[in-house]
Amino acid sequence: MGKKERLLLPGSAKPVSYEIRLDPNFEEEKFEGHAKMRWGLQPTARQVF
């Protein structure tokens, strides 16, 4: 597996809420997952990246 670029949000972005779901497959020793996040920006920004 190759090295992935680390992408960070600016310091003005703060998590408001998040929901994480993991679906394990014990037979194959793998899992799938899903993350749902809500962010707030202070001060308000027109563009994040």
PDB file of N, CA and C in Angstrom:
ATOM      1  N   MET A   1       0.855  -1.174   0.000  1.00  0.00           N
ATOM      2  CA  MET A   1       0.000   0.000   0.000  1.00  0.00           C
ATOM      3  C   MET A   1       0.898   1.234   0.000  1.00  0.00           C
ATOM      4  N   GLY A   2       0.640   2.174  -0.907  1.00  0.00           N
ATOM      5  CA  GLY A   2       1.444   3.377  -1.020  1.00  0.00           C
ATOM      6  C   GLY A   2       1.135   4.388   0.070  1.00  0.00           C
ATOM      7  N   LYS A   3       2.055   5.308   0.256  1.00  0.00           N
ATOM      8  CA  LYS A   3       1.876   6.362   1.254  1.00  0.00           C
ATOM      9  C   LYS A   3       0.889   7.397   0.722  1.00  0.00           C
ATOM     10  N   LYS A   4      -0.097   7.754   1.542  1.00  0.00           N
ATOM     11  CA  LYS A   4      -1.112   8.722   1.136  1.00  0.00           C
ATOM     12  C   LYS A   4      -0.764  10.102   1.682  1.00  0.00           C
ATOM     13  N   GLU A   5      -1.133  11.124   0.920  1.00  0.00           N
ATOM     14  CA  GLU A   5      -0.935  12.496   1.355  1.00  0.00           C
ATOM     15  C   GLU A   5      -1.874  12.791   2.519  1.00  0.00           C
ATOM     16  N   ARG A   6      -1.337  13.422   3.551  1.00  0.00           N
ATOM     17  CA  ARG A   6      -2.148  13.778   4.711  1.00  0.00           C
ATOM     18  C   ARG A   6      -2.807  15.128   4.450  1.00  0.00           C
ATOM     19  N   LEU A   7      -4.118  15.161   4.509  1.00  0.00           N
ATOM     20  CA  LEU A   7      -4.890  16.362   4.227  1.00  0.00           C
ATOM     21  C   LEU A   7      -5.526  16.844   5.526  1.00  0.00           C
ATOM     22  N   LEU A   8      -5.217  18.070   5.929  1.00  0.00           N
ATOM     23  CA  LEU A   8      -5.728  18.616   7.182  1.00  0.00           C
ATOM     24  C   LEU A   8      -6.641  19.807   6.925  1.00  0.00           C
ATOM     25  N   LEU A   9      -7.681  19.916   7.735  1.00  0.00           N
ATOM     26  CA  LEU A   9      -8.549  21.088   7.681  1.00  0.00           C
ATOM     27  C   LEU A   9      -7.869  22.230   8.431  1.00  0.00           C
ATOM     28  N   PRO A  10      -8.204  23.470   8.107  1.00  0.00           N
ATOM     29  CA  PRO A  10      -7.614  24.604   8.821  1.00  0.00           C
ATOM     30  C   PRO A  10      -8.066  24.621  10.283  1.00  0.00           C
ATOM     31  N   GLY A  11      -7.313  25.324  11.125  1.00  0.00           N
ATOM     32  CA  GLY A  11      -7.628  25.405  12.552  1.00  0.00           C
ATOM     33  C   GLY A  11      -8.981  26.022  12.851  1.00  0.00           C
ATOM     34  N   SER A  12      -9.550  26.779  11.909  1.00  0.00           N
ATOM     35  CA  SER A  12     -10.861  27.401  12.130  1.00  0.00           C
ATOM     36  C   SER A  12     -12.007  26.409  11.966  1.00  0.00           C
ATOM     37  N   ALA A  13     -11.735  25.208  11.452  1.00  0.00           N
ATOM     38  CA  ALA A  13     -12.771  24.177  11.277  1.00  0.00           C
ATOM     39  C   ALA A  13     -12.838  23.319  12.540  1.00  0.00           C
ATOM     40  N   LYS A  14     -13.986  23.302  13.181  1.00  0.00           N
ATOM     41  CA  LYS A  14     -14.183  22.545  14.419  1.00  0.00           C
ATOM     42  C   LYS A  14     -15.308  21.534  14.222  1.00  0.00           C
ATOM     43  N   PRO A  15     -15.102  20.267  14.659  1.00  0.00           N
ATOM     44  CA  PRO A  15     -16.169  19.275  14.531  1.00  0.00           C
ATOM     45  C   PRO A  15     -17.344  19.622  15.442  1.00  0.00           C
ATOM     46  N   VAL A  16     -18.551  19.538  14.891  1.00  0.00           N
ATOM     47  CA  VAL A  16     -19.773  19.807  15.649  1.00  0.00           C
ATOM     48  C   VAL A  16     -20.377  18.485  16.114  1.00  0.00           C
ATOM     49  N   SER A  17     -20.406  17.498  15.218  1.00  0.00           N
ATOM     50  CA  SER A  17     -20.908  16.170  15.564  1.00  0.00           C
ATOM     51  C   SER A  17     -20.338  15.164  14.574  1.00  0.00           C
ATOM     52  N   TYR A  18     -20.294  13.913  14.996  1.00  0.00           N
ATOM     53  CA  TYR A  18     -19.839  12.869  14.089  1.00  0.00           C
ATOM     54  C   TYR A  18     -20.479  11.535  14.449  1.00  0.00           C
ATOM     55  N   GLU A  19     -20.581  10.684  13.446  1.00  0.00           N
ATOM     56  CA  GLU A  19     -21.160   9.348  13.592  1.00  0.00           C
ATOM     57  C   GLU A  19     -20.245   8.398  12.827  1.00  0.00           C
ATOM     58  N   ILE A  20     -19.780   7.347  13.489  1.00  0.00           N
ATOM     59  CA  ILE A  20     -18.868   6.395  12.857  1.00  0.00           C
ATOM     60  C   ILE A  20     -19.493   5.010  12.919  1.00  0.00           C
ATOM     61  N   ARG A  21     -19.481   4.304  11.783  1.00  0.00           N
ATOM     62  CA  ARG A  21     -20.012   2.941  11.725  1.00  0.00           C
ATOM     63  C   ARG A  21     -18.920   2.022  11.198  1.00  0.00           C
ATOM     64  N   LEU A  22     -18.653   0.927  11.901  1.00  0.00           N
ATOM     65  CA  LEU A  22     -17.706  -0.085  11.451  1.00  0.00           C
ATOM     66  C   LEU A  22     -18.453  -1.397  11.276  1.00  0.00           C
ATOM     67  N   ASP A  23     -18.228  -2.043  10.145  1.00  0.00           N
ATOM     68  CA  ASP A  23     -18.843  -3.336   9.854  1.00  0.00           C
ATOM     69  C   ASP A  23     -17.735  -4.373   9.714  1.00  0.00           C
ATOM     70  N   PRO A  24     -17.427  -5.122  10.801  1.00  0.00           N
ATOM     71  CA  PRO A  24     -16.333  -6.083  10.741  1.00  0.00           C
ATOM     72  C   PRO A  24     -16.706  -7.351   9.976  1.00  0.00           C
ATOM     73  N   ASN A  25     -15.712  -7.911   9.292  1.00  0.00           N
ATOM     74  CA  ASN A  25     -15.825  -9.217   8.653  1.00  0.00           C
ATOM     75  C   ASN A  25     -14.766 -10.080   9.333  1.00  0.00           C
ATOM     76  N   PHE A  26     -15.165 -10.818  10.364  1.00  0.00           N
ATOM     77  CA  PHE A  26     -14.222 -11.565  11.177  1.00  0.00           C
ATOM     78  C   PHE A  26     -13.568 -12.712  10.418  1.00  0.00           C
ATOM     79  N   GLU A  27     -14.289 -13.323   9.486  1.00  0.00           N
ATOM     80  CA  GLU A  27     -13.727 -14.436   8.725  1.00  0.00           C
ATOM     81  C   GLU A  27     -12.536 -13.995   7.873  1.00  0.00           C
ATOM     82  N   GLU A  28     -12.637 -12.823   7.261  1.00  0.00           N
ATOM     83  CA  GLU A  28     -11.571 -12.325   6.387  1.00  0.00           C
ATOM     84  C   GLU A  28     -10.634 -11.350   7.103  1.00  0.00           C
ATOM     85  N   GLU A  29     -10.893 -11.104   8.391  1.00  0.00           N
ATOM     86  CA  GLU A  29     -10.099 -10.165   9.194  1.00  0.00           C
ATOM     87  C   GLU A  29      -9.995  -8.796   8.520  1.00  0.00           C
ATOM     88  N   LYS A  30     -11.157  -8.288   8.078  1.00  0.00           N
ATOM     89  CA  LYS A  30     -11.263  -6.980   7.433  1.00  0.00           C
ATOM     90  C   LYS A  30     -12.470  -6.251   8.008  1.00  0.00           C
ATOM     91  N   PHE A  31     -12.574  -4.988   7.689  1.00  0.00           N
ATOM     92  CA  PHE A  31     -13.769  -4.246   8.058  1.00  0.00           C
ATOM     93  C   PHE A  31     -14.017  -3.159   7.028  1.00  0.00           C
ATOM     94  N   GLU A  32     -15.265  -2.738   6.954  1.00  0.00           N
ATOM     95  CA  GLU A  32     -15.656  -1.576   6.165  1.00  0.00           C
ATOM     96  C   GLU A  32     -16.184  -0.556   7.150  1.00  0.00           C
ATOM     97  N   GLY A  33     -16.066   0.703   6.793  1.00  0.00           N
ATOM     98  CA  GLY A  33     -16.521   1.728   7.710  1.00  0.00           C
ATOM     99  C   GLY A  33     -17.105   2.925   6.986  1.00  0.00           C
ATOM    100  N   HIS A  34     -17.820   3.720   7.748  1.00  0.00           N
ATOM    101  CA  HIS A  34     -18.460   4.926   7.223  1.00  0.00           C
ATOM    102  C   HIS A  34     -18.386   5.988   8.312  1.00  0.00           C
ATOM    103  N   ALA A  35     -18.016   7.194   7.927  1.00  0.00           N
ATOM    104  CA  ALA A  35     -17.976   8.311   8.876  1.00  0.00           C
ATOM    105  C   ALA A  35     -18.814   9.458   8.328  1.00  0.00           C
ATOM    106  N   LYS A  36     -19.640  10.026   9.182  1.00  0.00           N
ATOM    107  CA  LYS A  36     -20.472  11.175   8.824  1.00  0.00           C
ATOM    108  C   LYS A  36     -20.124  12.283   9.817  1.00  0.00           C
ATOM    109  N   MET A  37     -19.665  13.434   9.296  1.00  0.00           N
ATOM    110  CA  MET A  37     -19.212  14.514  10.162  1.00  0.00           C
ATOM    111  C   MET A  37     -19.860  15.840   9.795  1.00  0.00           C
ATOM    112  N   ARG A  38     -20.110  16.650  10.807  1.00  0.00           N
ATOM    113  CA  ARG A  38     -20.589  18.023  10.629  1.00  0.00           C
ATOM    114  C   ARG A  38     -19.542  18.954  11.196  1.00  0.00           C
ATOM    115  N   TRP A  39     -19.202  19.979  10.412  1.00  0.00           N
ATOM    116  CA  TRP A  39     -18.152  20.912  10.814  1.00  0.00           C
ATOM    117  C   TRP A  39     -18.696  22.322  10.900  1.00  0.00           C
ATOM    118  N   GLY A  40     -18.121  23.112  11.779  1.00  0.00           N
ATOM    119  CA  GLY A  40     -18.423  24.530  11.873  1.00  0.00           C
ATOM    120  C   GLY A  40     -17.152  25.318  11.603  1.00  0.00           C
ATOM    121  N   LEU A  41     -17.280  26.463  10.980  1.00  0.00           N
ATOM    122  CA  LEU A  41     -16.134  27.322  10.695  1.00  0.00           C
ATOM    123  C   LEU A  41     -16.282  28.630  11.456  1.00  0.00           C
ATOM    124  N   GLN A  42     -15.265  28.991  12.210  1.00  0.00           N
ATOM    125  CA  GLN A  42     -15.253  30.268  12.923  1.00  0.00           C
ATOM    126  C   GLN A  42     -13.912  30.919  12.702  1.00  0.00           C
ATOM    127  N   PRO A  43     -13.804  32.057  12.127  1.00  0.00           N
ATOM    128  CA  PRO A  43     -14.885  32.835  11.538  1.00  0.00           C
ATOM    129  C   PRO A  43     -15.393  32.180  10.255  1.00  0.00           C
ATOM    130  N   THR A  44     -16.554  32.608   9.802  1.00  0.00           N
ATOM    131  CA  THR A  44     -17.146  32.089   8.575  1.00  0.00           C
ATOM    132  C   THR A  44     -16.159  32.248   7.425  1.00  0.00           C
ATOM    133  N   ALA A  45     -16.052  31.209   6.607  1.00  0.00           N
ATOM    134  CA  ALA A  45     -15.101  31.235   5.489  1.00  0.00           C
ATOM    135  C   ALA A  45     -15.831  30.954   4.185  1.00  0.00           C
ATOM    136  N   ARG A  46     -15.359  31.562   3.110  1.00  0.00           N
ATOM    137  CA  ARG A  46     -15.922  31.292   1.782  1.00  0.00           C
ATOM    138  C   ARG A  46     -15.337  30.013   1.197  1.00  0.00           C
ATOM    139  N   GLN A  47     -14.126  29.674   1.597  1.00  0.00           N
ATOM    140  CA  GLN A  47     -13.427  28.521   1.032  1.00  0.00           C
ATOM    141  C   GLN A  47     -12.611  27.858   2.135  1.00  0.00           C
ATOM    142  N   VAL A  48     -12.606  26.518   2.156  1.00  0.00           N
ATOM    143  CA  VAL A  48     -11.841  25.783   3.159  1.00  0.00           C
ATOM    144  C   VAL A  48     -10.465  25.419   2.614  1.00  0.00           C
ATOM    145  N   PHE A  49     -10.409  24.987   1.350  1.00  0.00           N
ATOM    146  CA  PHE A  49      -9.126  24.626   0.721  1.00  0.00           C
ATOM    147  C   PHE A  49      -8.898  25.497  -0.477  1.00  0.00           C
TER     148      PHE A  49
END
